[in-house]
C-alpha cells in the first residue's frame, strides 16, 4: 500500500493518575478554610485588639504582600533546582499554620506585623510549587480540568471558612472586652490549626513527580488561567500560573501589551486604595460588628465563586475587551455607592449592613468578569514566545500595584477620610479604562486541525459508508465543521476540556 493510503491516528495519552495522586487535591480544602477565616480576622485583630488606625491596618495588610512577588518566583525557581516539590509544599502549609497560631498568641503589634510578614513569605511557596506539582503529575490533556478543580476546591473552602466566622459571631452570645479579644484570637488560632491539618494531609498524600517539567512546557496552561489583578488574601489559595521574569523570552512584547500593563498597574492601585482601608471603614464608619464584617466578605466570595465559570463562557462568545471595560466602569460606580450607605442610612443599622453586603456581592460579580476577560484580552495581545514574559510582568505589576494601592489607601483614609479615598479609587479605575480603551483586540480565528496522512487507513467503524468520526482521536471531517475547512498540519487533538472557573475576590 502506498503512502497516500496511510493515515496516522493519534490516540489520546492516558492521564497520569496514580494511587494517591488525586487525594492531595483535597489538602487545599482546609487551607482555603484557613484563609477564609483569617482574611477578616487579621485586620480585625489589628483594629479591635491592638487599637491601630486606618493606616496601621493597611500596614499590617500590606506586610504579607511585601515579599509575595519576589518570593513567589524565588520559591518556584528553588524547587526547580532542589527537585523535591513535596517538601516545599508541606513546609509552606506547616510554617504558615505555626505562624498563624503565633499571631493569635502575641500581645505586641510589632510582633503581630512581623509574624504576618513571615507568614506571607512562607505561604507564597505553595502557589508556584503546587502548580508545577500538579502539572508534573498530569498529562497536558488534564491540566485545565485539574486546575479548574483546584479553583473549585479553594473557592468553596474560602466560602465555608467565611461562613463559619459569620455563623460564629451571629449565633454566639455577644461578647465585649477581654472575651471578644479572646474570641478573635481563638478563631485565628483555629485558622492556623486548619493550615497544619492541610500540611498533614499533603505529607500523607502528595507524591513526588517522576520528572521535572521545564517552565517552557507550561505555556498552554496560560489559556485557562484566570488573572491576578485582585487577591483575596494571597495567591496560595489559588494555583496561579507563575512565570519567572528571568526566564522570559527574548522576543519583544507588542506595543499594545505595554499599554495594557500600564492600565493593569493603575487599576490594581485603584482596587487596593479601596480595599486596603476597607476593614477600618466597615467597623469605624459603618459601625459593623465582627459578624457583619464576615457577612460583607462572605457575599463577595459567594458571588465571585458562583460566576467564574459562567464569566468564562461569556468571554468566549463576546469580545472580552468590552466585557472587561464594562465590568471596570461598573466597579468604579460601586465604589462611590459605598459612600452613599454611610451618608444616607442610619449607622449602625441592619439596613446599612445589608446594603454593604449587597454592594460587596456586586463587587464580587464584577471581579469574576474582570478576572476572566482581562486574561483572555492579555493572551490575545501577546503571541508566541513573548506570552510567558507578558504573563510574568502581569503577575509582578498586579502585585506591586496592589501593594502600592494598599499603602496609598491607608494614608489617604487616615488624613483625608473615606470620601476622598473612595473617589481616588474610582478615579484610578476609570483612568485604567481610558488607557485600555484604545488598545485593539484581534481575536484568533478558529482553525480546525487536519489529519496527517501517514499510517495505514483504518477500517471503517460500521457499514460501507460509515464516516471516521466514531474512531477515537479523529476529529470531524471538514464538511462536519461549521466554521470552515481545516488548514495547517498536525495530529488530531484529544477532547477539549471545559473551561474552569478560577480567580479570587479581594480582601
Protein backbone atom coordinates (compact mmCIF):
# COMPACT_ATOMS: atom_id res chain seq x y z
CA UNK A 1 0.00 0.00 0.00
CA UNK A 2 1.37 3.43 -0.96
CA UNK A 3 1.97 6.41 1.27
CA UNK A 4 -1.25 8.01 0.06
CA UNK A 5 -3.24 5.21 1.70
CA UNK A 6 -1.72 5.60 5.17
CA UNK A 7 -3.35 7.60 7.95
CA UNK A 8 -1.66 8.38 11.27
CA UNK A 9 -4.23 8.08 14.06
CA UNK A 10 -3.41 9.97 17.28
CA UNK A 11 -4.75 8.23 20.39
CA UNK A 12 -5.06 10.48 23.43
CA UNK A 13 -2.45 9.75 26.08
CA UNK A 14 -3.76 8.12 29.23
CA UNK A 15 -3.86 10.52 32.18
CA UNK A 16 -1.25 10.10 34.89
CA UNK A 17 -3.35 9.26 37.94
CA UNK A 18 -1.52 7.06 40.40
CA UNK A 19 -2.89 5.52 43.59
CA UNK A 20 -2.99 8.57 45.87
CA UNK A 21 -2.29 11.32 43.36
CA UNK A 22 -5.84 12.68 43.48
CA UNK A 23 -6.19 12.84 47.27
CA UNK A 24 -3.70 15.66 47.80
CA UNK A 25 -6.07 17.95 45.91
CA UNK A 26 -8.25 17.84 49.00
CA UNK A 27 -5.41 19.04 51.23
CA UNK A 28 -6.08 22.50 49.78
CA UNK A 29 -9.60 22.47 51.25
CA UNK A 30 -8.57 23.04 54.92
CA UNK A 31 -6.02 25.57 53.63
CA UNK A 32 -8.80 27.51 51.90
CA UNK A 33 -10.89 27.27 55.09
CA UNK A 34 -7.92 28.73 56.95
CA UNK A 35 -7.67 31.65 54.54
CA UNK A 36 -11.42 32.27 54.68
CA UNK A 37 -11.24 32.61 58.45
CA UNK A 38 -8.00 34.60 58.61
CA UNK A 39 -8.84 37.15 55.92
CA UNK A 40 -11.15 39.33 58.09
CA UNK A 41 -9.53 38.27 61.36
CA UNK A 42 -6.07 39.74 60.69
CA UNK A 43 -7.31 43.33 60.18
CA UNK A 44 -9.95 42.92 62.91
CA UNK A 45 -7.28 41.95 65.43
CA UNK A 46 -5.11 44.88 64.39
CA UNK A 47 -8.08 47.24 64.75
CA UNK A 48 -10.02 45.92 67.77
CA UNK A 49 -7.24 44.30 69.82
CA UNK A 50 -4.21 46.46 69.06
CA UNK A 51 -6.29 49.63 68.51
CA UNK A 52 -4.43 50.87 65.43
CA UNK A 53 -5.77 53.43 62.95
CA UNK A 54 -6.64 53.03 59.25
CA UNK A 55 -3.04 53.45 58.14
CA UNK A 56 -1.88 50.90 60.72
CA UNK A 57 -4.44 48.38 59.46
CA UNK A 58 -3.23 48.79 55.89
CA UNK A 59 0.39 48.45 57.01
CA UNK A 60 -0.49 45.08 58.53
CA UNK A 61 -2.39 44.00 55.41
CA UNK A 62 0.43 45.12 53.10
CA UNK A 63 3.05 43.37 55.21
CA UNK A 64 2.21 39.92 53.88
CA UNK A 65 2.27 41.22 50.29
CA UNK A 66 5.74 42.79 50.59
CA UNK A 67 7.54 39.58 49.74
CA UNK A 68 4.85 37.91 47.65
CA UNK A 69 6.04 38.84 44.15
CA UNK A 70 9.82 38.20 44.53
CA UNK A 71 9.46 35.17 46.81
CA UNK A 72 6.79 33.52 44.67
CA UNK A 73 9.31 33.47 41.82
CA UNK A 74 12.17 32.52 44.20
CA UNK A 75 10.37 29.51 45.67
CA UNK A 76 9.38 28.28 42.22
CA UNK A 77 12.94 28.53 40.90
CA UNK A 78 14.40 26.97 44.06
CA UNK A 79 12.06 23.98 43.84
CA UNK A 80 13.24 23.51 40.24
CA UNK A 81 16.82 23.27 41.45
CA UNK A 82 16.22 21.08 44.52
CA UNK A 83 13.77 18.84 42.57
CA UNK A 84 11.64 17.99 45.61
CA UNK A 85 8.32 19.75 45.23
CA UNK A 86 6.61 17.94 48.12
CA UNK A 87 8.97 19.32 50.76
CA UNK A 88 8.28 22.90 49.70
CA UNK A 89 4.52 22.39 49.65
CA UNK A 90 4.29 20.69 53.05
CA UNK A 91 6.68 23.19 54.64
CA UNK A 92 4.68 26.11 53.23
CA UNK A 93 1.45 24.81 54.78
CA UNK A 94 3.06 23.87 58.10
CA UNK A 95 5.13 27.02 58.66
CA UNK A 96 2.16 29.19 57.68
CA UNK A 97 -0.04 27.38 60.20
CA UNK A 98 2.51 27.75 63.01
CA UNK A 99 2.88 31.45 62.31
CA UNK A 100 -0.90 31.99 62.34
CA UNK A 101 -1.06 30.34 65.77
CA UNK A 102 1.81 32.58 66.93
CA UNK A 103 -0.06 35.64 65.62
CA UNK A 104 -3.06 34.60 67.69
CA UNK A 105 -0.92 34.41 70.84
CA UNK A 106 1.25 37.51 70.50
CA UNK A 107 0.49 40.58 72.63
CA UNK A 108 2.56 43.09 70.66
CA UNK A 109 1.52 44.91 67.48
CA UNK A 110 5.13 44.87 66.25
CA UNK A 111 5.35 41.10 66.70
CA UNK A 112 1.95 40.71 65.04
CA UNK A 113 3.18 42.65 62.00
CA UNK A 114 6.49 40.74 61.74
CA UNK A 115 4.74 37.37 62.05
CA UNK A 116 2.27 38.38 59.35
CA UNK A 117 5.14 39.27 57.00
CA UNK A 118 6.83 35.92 57.69
CA UNK A 119 3.56 34.07 57.15
CA UNK A 120 3.15 35.73 53.76
CA UNK A 121 6.71 34.77 52.87
CA UNK A 122 6.12 31.12 53.83
CA UNK A 123 2.74 30.80 52.14
CA UNK A 124 3.97 32.29 48.86
CA UNK A 125 5.76 29.00 48.14
CA UNK A 126 2.59 26.97 47.70
CA UNK A 127 1.31 28.77 44.58
CA UNK A 128 4.14 28.06 42.09
CA UNK A 129 5.23 24.80 43.71
CA UNK A 130 1.67 23.45 43.86
CA UNK A 131 1.06 24.43 40.26
CA UNK A 132 4.18 22.71 38.97
CA UNK A 133 3.48 19.65 41.13
CA UNK A 134 0.06 19.31 39.54
CA UNK A 135 1.37 19.77 36.01
CA UNK A 136 4.16 17.22 36.52
CA UNK A 137 1.77 14.50 37.71
CA UNK A 138 -0.79 15.00 34.91
CA UNK A 139 -0.70 14.81 31.16
CA UNK A 140 -1.38 18.06 29.29
CA UNK A 141 -4.84 16.89 28.39
CA UNK A 142 -5.92 17.05 32.04
CA UNK A 143 -4.25 20.33 33.04
CA UNK A 144 -7.23 22.66 32.51
CA UNK A 145 -9.67 20.32 34.26
CA UNK A 146 -7.43 19.77 37.27
CA UNK A 147 -6.62 23.47 37.61
CA UNK A 148 -10.34 24.13 37.41
CA UNK A 149 -10.93 21.59 40.17
CA UNK A 150 -8.38 23.39 42.34
CA UNK A 151 -10.26 26.61 41.72
CA UNK A 152 -13.49 24.98 42.88
CA UNK A 153 -11.86 23.49 45.99
CA UNK A 154 -10.26 26.78 47.03
CA UNK A 155 -13.34 28.86 46.25
CA UNK A 156 -15.72 26.60 48.14
CA UNK A 157 -13.29 26.27 51.03
CA UNK A 158 -12.95 30.04 51.36
CA UNK A 159 -16.72 30.49 51.33
CA UNK A 160 -17.11 27.84 54.05
CA UNK A 161 -14.38 29.49 56.16
CA UNK A 162 -16.08 32.87 55.93
CA UNK A 163 -19.43 31.21 56.66
CA UNK A 164 -18.03 29.65 59.82
CA UNK A 165 -16.88 33.05 61.04
CA UNK A 166 -20.22 34.66 60.19
CA UNK A 167 -22.25 31.96 61.96
CA UNK A 168 -19.93 32.04 64.97
CA UNK A 169 -20.42 35.75 65.59
CA UNK A 170 -24.10 35.72 64.60
CA UNK A 171 -25.22 32.79 66.75
CA UNK A 172 -22.88 33.10 69.73
CA UNK A 173 -23.85 35.50 72.54
CA UNK A 174 -22.43 38.98 72.06
CA UNK A 175 -19.12 39.45 73.87
CA UNK A 176 -17.18 42.57 74.76
CA UNK A 177 -13.83 43.49 76.20
CA UNK A 178 -11.43 40.68 77.04
CA UNK A 179 -13.89 37.98 75.99
CA UNK A 180 -14.25 39.46 72.49
CA UNK A 181 -10.47 39.68 72.17
CA UNK A 182 -10.02 36.03 73.17
CA UNK A 183 -12.71 35.01 70.66
CA UNK A 184 -10.83 36.70 67.83
CA UNK A 185 -7.57 35.11 68.96
CA UNK A 186 -9.19 31.67 69.21
CA UNK A 187 -10.55 31.83 65.65
CA UNK A 188 -7.19 32.97 64.25
CA UNK A 189 -5.54 30.09 66.10
CA UNK A 190 -8.15 27.76 64.58
CA UNK A 191 -7.15 29.09 61.18
CA UNK A 192 -3.56 28.08 61.93
CA UNK A 193 -4.65 24.59 63.02
CA UNK A 194 -6.51 24.14 59.73
CA UNK A 195 -3.33 25.06 57.83
CA UNK A 196 -1.44 22.47 59.88
CA UNK A 197 -4.12 19.92 59.00
CA UNK A 198 -3.55 20.75 55.33
CA UNK A 199 0.18 20.15 55.86
CA UNK A 200 -0.51 16.74 57.40
CA UNK A 201 -2.78 15.70 54.53
CA UNK A 202 -0.22 16.89 51.99
CA UNK A 203 2.54 14.94 53.78
CA UNK A 204 0.43 11.77 53.58
CA UNK A 205 -0.94 12.11 50.07
CA UNK A 206 1.45 14.15 47.94
CA UNK A 207 3.70 12.08 45.70
CA UNK A 208 6.85 13.47 44.14
CA UNK A 209 6.68 13.77 40.34
CA UNK A 210 8.78 11.38 38.29
CA UNK A 211 10.28 14.19 36.23
CA UNK A 212 10.70 17.95 36.47
CA UNK A 213 8.74 19.80 33.80
CA UNK A 214 10.53 22.73 32.10
CA UNK A 215 8.67 26.02 32.57
CA UNK A 216 8.52 26.49 28.81
CA UNK A 217 6.20 23.48 28.53
CA UNK A 218 3.63 25.03 30.86
CA UNK A 219 2.68 27.83 28.46
CA UNK A 220 -0.52 26.07 27.28
CA UNK A 221 -1.87 26.48 30.83
CA UNK A 222 -1.95 30.24 30.28
CA UNK A 223 -5.01 29.83 28.07
CA UNK A 224 -7.06 28.58 31.02
CA UNK A 225 -5.65 30.56 33.94
CA UNK A 226 -7.53 33.46 35.45
CA UNK A 227 -5.99 36.82 36.22
CA UNK A 228 -4.30 38.06 39.34
CA UNK A 229 -5.48 41.66 39.49
CA UNK A 230 -7.01 41.20 42.90
CA UNK A 231 -6.18 38.84 45.74
CA UNK A 232 -8.49 37.54 48.40
CA UNK A 233 -5.78 37.07 50.93
CA UNK A 234 -2.78 35.92 48.99
CA UNK A 235 -2.07 33.76 45.99
CA UNK A 236 -1.69 30.50 47.89
CA UNK A 237 -5.44 29.94 47.89
CA UNK A 238 -5.30 29.58 44.11
CA UNK A 239 -2.95 27.62 41.92
CA UNK A 240 -1.60 30.60 39.99
CA UNK A 241 0.44 30.27 36.82
CA UNK A 242 3.75 31.86 37.77
CA UNK A 243 6.39 32.78 35.19
CA UNK A 244 9.86 33.85 36.25
CA UNK A 245 10.84 37.19 34.77
CA UNK A 246 14.42 35.98 34.48
CA UNK A 247 13.32 33.15 32.18
CA UNK A 248 11.26 35.25 29.81
CA UNK A 249 11.60 35.01 26.05
CA UNK A 250 13.95 37.33 24.20
CA UNK A 251 11.08 38.24 21.88
CA UNK A 252 9.76 41.76 22.36
CA UNK A 253 6.34 42.34 23.87
CA UNK A 254 3.89 44.02 21.44
CA UNK A 255 3.31 47.74 21.85
CA UNK A 256 -0.33 47.27 22.88
CA UNK A 257 0.82 45.00 25.68
CA UNK A 258 2.77 47.84 27.32
CA UNK A 259 -0.39 49.95 27.38
CA UNK A 260 -2.28 47.01 28.86
CA UNK A 261 0.32 46.55 31.60
CA UNK A 262 0.18 50.28 32.39
CA UNK A 263 -3.61 50.11 32.68
CA UNK A 264 -3.26 46.98 34.82
CA UNK A 265 -0.95 48.73 37.28
CA UNK A 266 -3.23 51.76 37.62
CA UNK A 267 -6.32 49.58 38.11
CA UNK A 268 -4.57 47.42 40.70
CA UNK A 269 -3.67 50.56 42.64
CA UNK A 270 -7.29 51.73 42.45
CA UNK A 271 -8.72 48.42 43.66
CA UNK A 272 -6.49 48.34 46.72
CA UNK A 273 -6.86 52.04 47.53
CA UNK A 274 -10.42 50.98 48.30
CA UNK A 275 -9.83 47.53 49.80
CA UNK A 276 -6.80 48.48 51.89
CA UNK A 277 -8.71 50.55 54.49
CA UNK A 278 -11.97 48.66 53.81
CA UNK A 279 -12.00 46.74 57.16
CA UNK A 280 -11.49 50.02 59.04
CA UNK A 281 -14.33 51.60 57.07
CA UNK A 282 -16.69 48.71 57.91
CA UNK A 283 -16.02 48.90 61.65
CA UNK A 284 -15.49 52.61 62.28
CA UNK A 285 -17.57 54.35 59.60
CA UNK A 286 -20.36 51.79 59.07
CA UNK A 287 -20.47 50.53 62.67
CA UNK A 288 -20.48 46.81 61.82
CA UNK A 289 -19.66 44.19 64.41
CA UNK A 290 -17.49 41.14 63.72
CA UNK A 291 -20.40 39.14 62.30
CA UNK A 292 -21.30 41.98 59.94
CA UNK A 293 -17.71 42.18 58.65
CA UNK A 294 -17.71 38.44 57.91
CA UNK A 295 -21.07 38.77 56.14
CA UNK A 296 -19.77 41.50 53.83
CA UNK A 297 -16.73 39.42 52.89
CA UNK A 298 -18.85 36.29 52.53
CA UNK A 299 -21.27 37.74 49.98
CA UNK A 300 -18.40 38.81 47.72
CA UNK A 301 -16.76 35.38 47.89
CA UNK A 302 -20.04 33.60 47.09
CA UNK A 303 -20.82 35.85 44.13
CA UNK A 304 -17.34 35.56 42.60
CA UNK A 305 -17.10 31.79 43.11
CA UNK A 306 -20.55 31.19 41.61
CA UNK A 307 -19.91 33.26 38.48
CA UNK A 308 -16.33 32.43 37.49
CA UNK A 309 -17.35 29.54 35.24
CA UNK A 310 -20.19 31.50 33.63
CA UNK A 311 -17.95 34.51 33.07
CA UNK A 312 -15.58 32.25 31.17
CA UNK A 313 -18.41 31.12 28.91
CA UNK A 314 -19.40 34.74 28.26
CA UNK A 315 -15.96 35.98 27.26
CA UNK A 316 -15.63 33.07 24.82
CA UNK A 317 -18.69 34.40 22.95
CA UNK A 318 -18.41 38.17 23.47
CA UNK A 319 -15.47 40.49 22.87
CA UNK A 320 -13.52 40.26 26.19
CA UNK A 321 -12.26 43.82 25.83
CA UNK A 322 -15.76 45.26 26.20
CA UNK A 323 -16.67 42.81 28.97
CA UNK A 324 -13.52 43.96 30.76
CA UNK A 325 -14.28 47.66 30.29
CA UNK A 326 -17.96 47.33 31.26
CA UNK A 327 -17.02 45.49 34.47
CA UNK A 328 -14.45 48.16 35.35
CA UNK A 329 -16.94 51.00 34.82
CA UNK A 330 -19.49 49.16 36.97
CA UNK A 331 -16.89 48.70 39.70
CA UNK A 332 -15.93 52.38 39.62
CA UNK A 333 -19.60 53.28 40.17
CA UNK A 334 -19.94 50.75 43.01
CA UNK A 335 -17.00 52.32 44.85
CA UNK A 336 -18.91 55.59 45.08
CA UNK A 337 -22.11 53.86 46.21
CA UNK A 338 -20.32 52.68 49.35
CA UNK A 339 -20.20 56.34 50.38
CA UNK A 340 -23.96 56.71 49.94
CA UNK A 341 -24.57 53.98 52.52
CA UNK A 342 -22.92 55.85 55.38
CA UNK A 343 -24.35 59.20 54.25
CA UNK A 344 -27.92 58.10 53.53
CA UNK A 345 -28.67 55.35 56.07
CA UNK A 346 -28.65 55.30 59.88
CA UNK A 347 -25.39 53.96 61.29
CA UNK A 348 -25.30 51.33 62.69
CA UNK A 349 -28.42 49.58 61.35
CA UNK A 350 -29.49 46.34 59.71
CA UNK A 351 -30.28 48.28 56.52
CA UNK A 352 -26.72 49.61 56.31
CA UNK A 353 -25.26 46.16 56.95
CA UNK A 354 -27.38 44.51 54.25
CA UNK A 355 -26.66 47.32 51.79
CA UNK A 356 -22.92 46.93 52.29
CA UNK A 357 -23.21 43.15 51.89
CA UNK A 358 -25.14 43.63 48.65
CA UNK A 359 -22.66 46.14 47.28
CA UNK A 360 -19.71 43.90 48.05
CA UNK A 361 -21.52 40.99 46.40
CA UNK A 362 -21.81 43.18 43.29
CA UNK A 363 -18.06 43.84 43.57
CA UNK A 364 -17.54 40.06 43.55
CA UNK A 365 -19.65 39.82 40.39
CA UNK A 366 -17.52 42.45 38.64
CA UNK A 367 -14.36 40.69 39.75
CA UNK A 368 -15.49 37.37 38.21
CA UNK A 369 -15.82 39.05 34.81
CA UNK A 370 -12.74 41.26 35.21
CA UNK A 371 -10.56 38.26 36.01
CA UNK A 372 -11.52 36.09 33.04
CA UNK A 373 -11.88 38.91 30.48
CA UNK A 374 -8.56 40.55 31.38
CA UNK A 375 -6.65 37.29 30.99
CA UNK A 376 -8.13 36.44 27.60
CA UNK A 377 -7.51 40.01 26.42
CA UNK A 378 -3.89 39.74 27.54
CA UNK A 379 -3.33 36.41 25.81
CA UNK A 380 -4.60 37.84 22.52
CA UNK A 381 -2.14 40.75 22.75
CA UNK A 382 0.96 38.66 23.47
CA UNK A 383 1.63 35.93 20.93
CA UNK A 384 4.03 33.01 20.79
CA UNK A 385 7.20 33.02 22.94
CA UNK A 386 6.50 36.53 24.27
CA UNK A 387 3.44 35.24 26.13
CA UNK A 388 5.50 33.87 29.03
CA UNK A 389 7.28 37.18 29.54
CA UNK A 390 3.98 39.09 29.36
CA UNK A 391 2.39 36.85 31.98
CA UNK A 392 5.40 37.30 34.24
CA UNK A 393 5.08 41.09 34.08
CA UNK A 394 1.32 40.72 34.52
CA UNK A 395 1.76 38.95 37.86
CA UNK A 396 4.54 41.27 39.02
CA UNK A 397 2.76 44.54 38.19
CA UNK A 398 -0.50 43.36 39.69
CA UNK A 399 1.27 42.53 42.94
CA UNK A 400 3.23 45.78 43.05
CA UNK A 401 0.14 47.83 42.18
CA UNK A 402 -1.86 46.14 44.90
CA UNK A 403 0.87 46.82 47.47
CA UNK A 404 1.17 50.48 46.46
CA UNK A 405 -2.61 50.89 46.45
CA UNK A 406 -2.97 49.39 49.92
CA UNK A 407 -0.46 51.80 51.44
CA UNK A 408 -1.82 54.77 49.50
CA UNK A 409 -5.39 53.94 50.56
CA UNK A 410 -4.45 53.73 54.23
CA UNK A 411 -2.60 57.04 54.10
CA UNK A 412 -5.43 58.82 52.23
CA UNK A 413 -8.10 57.43 54.57
CA UNK A 414 -6.18 58.48 57.67
CA UNK A 415 -5.59 62.07 56.56
CA UNK A 416 -8.49 62.81 54.19
CA UNK A 417 -11.30 60.42 55.14
CA UNK A 418 -13.43 57.90 53.29
CA UNK A 419 -14.92 60.27 50.69
CA UNK A 420 -11.59 61.36 49.21
CA UNK A 421 -10.18 57.83 49.40
CA UNK A 422 -13.07 56.14 47.59
CA UNK A 423 -13.24 58.89 44.97
CA UNK A 424 -9.49 58.45 44.37
CA UNK A 425 -10.00 54.69 43.95
CA UNK A 426 -12.84 55.23 41.46
CA UNK A 427 -10.77 57.74 39.50
CA UNK A 428 -7.83 55.30 39.26
CA UNK A 429 -10.11 52.56 37.88
CA UNK A 430 -11.56 54.94 35.26
CA UNK A 431 -8.06 56.11 34.35
CA UNK A 432 -7.16 52.49 33.68
CA UNK A 433 -10.24 52.22 31.45
CA UNK A 434 -9.11 55.30 29.48
CA UNK A 435 -5.70 53.71 28.85
CA UNK A 436 -7.29 50.40 27.96
CA UNK A 437 -9.97 51.62 25.53
CA UNK A 438 -7.74 52.48 22.51
CA UNK A 439 -6.00 49.06 22.54
CA UNK A 440 -7.15 46.97 19.56
CA UNK A 441 -8.46 43.47 20.23
CA UNK A 442 -7.85 40.94 17.46
CA UNK A 443 -9.42 37.54 18.08
CA UNK A 444 -7.64 34.44 16.82
CA UNK A 445 -9.83 32.76 14.18
CA UNK A 446 -10.89 29.17 14.65
CA UNK A 447 -8.75 26.75 12.61
CA UNK A 448 -9.56 23.03 12.83
CA UNK A 449 -6.56 20.69 12.82
CA UNK A 450 -6.43 18.24 9.89
CA UNK A 451 -5.34 14.63 9.83
CA UNK A 452 -1.76 13.74 8.95
CA UNK A 453 -1.57 11.30 6.06
CA UNK A 454 0.98 8.71 7.19
CA UNK A 455 -0.18 5.41 8.60
CA UNK A 456 -2.39 2.69 7.08
CA UNK A 457 -6.01 3.70 6.63
CA UNK A 458 -8.18 2.31 9.46
CA UNK A 459 -11.16 0.06 8.91
CA UNK A 460 -14.41 1.97 8.90
CA UNK A 461 -16.34 1.92 12.16
CA UNK A 462 -19.58 0.43 10.83
CA UNK A 463 -21.20 -0.10 7.43
CA UNK A 464 -19.81 0.56 3.97
CA UNK A 465 -20.28 4.31 4.02
CA UNK A 466 -19.75 4.99 7.75
CA UNK A 467 -17.61 8.08 8.47
CA UNK A 468 -14.44 8.00 10.57
CA UNK A 469 -15.87 10.34 13.19
CA UNK A 470 -16.52 7.41 15.57
CA UNK A 471 -12.84 6.46 15.69
CA UNK A 472 -11.24 7.76 18.95
CA UNK A 473 -8.77 10.59 18.43
CA UNK A 474 -10.04 11.63 14.96
CA UNK A 475 -11.84 14.99 14.70
CA UNK A 476 -14.88 15.59 12.48
CA UNK A 477 -14.27 15.86 8.76
CA UNK A 478 -14.09 19.33 7.17
CA UNK A 479 -17.67 19.19 5.98
CA UNK A 480 -18.79 18.46 9.56
CA UNK A 481 -17.11 21.66 10.82
CA UNK A 482 -19.45 24.65 10.90
CA UNK A 483 -16.55 27.12 10.83
CA UNK A 484 -14.76 26.14 7.63
CA UNK A 485 -12.23 23.70 6.36
CA UNK A 486 -9.06 22.77 8.22
CA UNK A 487 -5.71 24.33 7.49
CA UNK A 488 -2.13 23.71 8.57
CA UNK A 489 -0.80 20.36 9.72
CA UNK A 490 -0.58 18.24 12.81
CA UNK A 491 -2.27 15.35 14.56
CA UNK A 492 -5.74 15.26 15.93
CA UNK A 493 -6.16 16.53 19.47
CA UNK A 494 -7.97 14.78 22.27
CA UNK A 495 -11.31 16.01 23.63
CA UNK A 496 -11.22 19.67 24.60
CA UNK A 497 -11.57 20.17 28.38
CA UNK A 498 -14.08 22.51 29.88
CA UNK A 499 -13.01 25.98 30.82
CA UNK A 500 -12.61 26.03 34.61
CA UNK A 501 -13.75 28.93 36.71
CA UNK A 502 -10.95 30.33 38.83
CA UNK A 503 -9.97 33.61 40.40
CA UNK A 504 -10.20 35.42 43.56
CA UNK A 505 -12.09 38.08 45.36
CA UNK A 506 -10.31 40.76 47.31
CA UNK A 507 -9.52 41.03 50.93
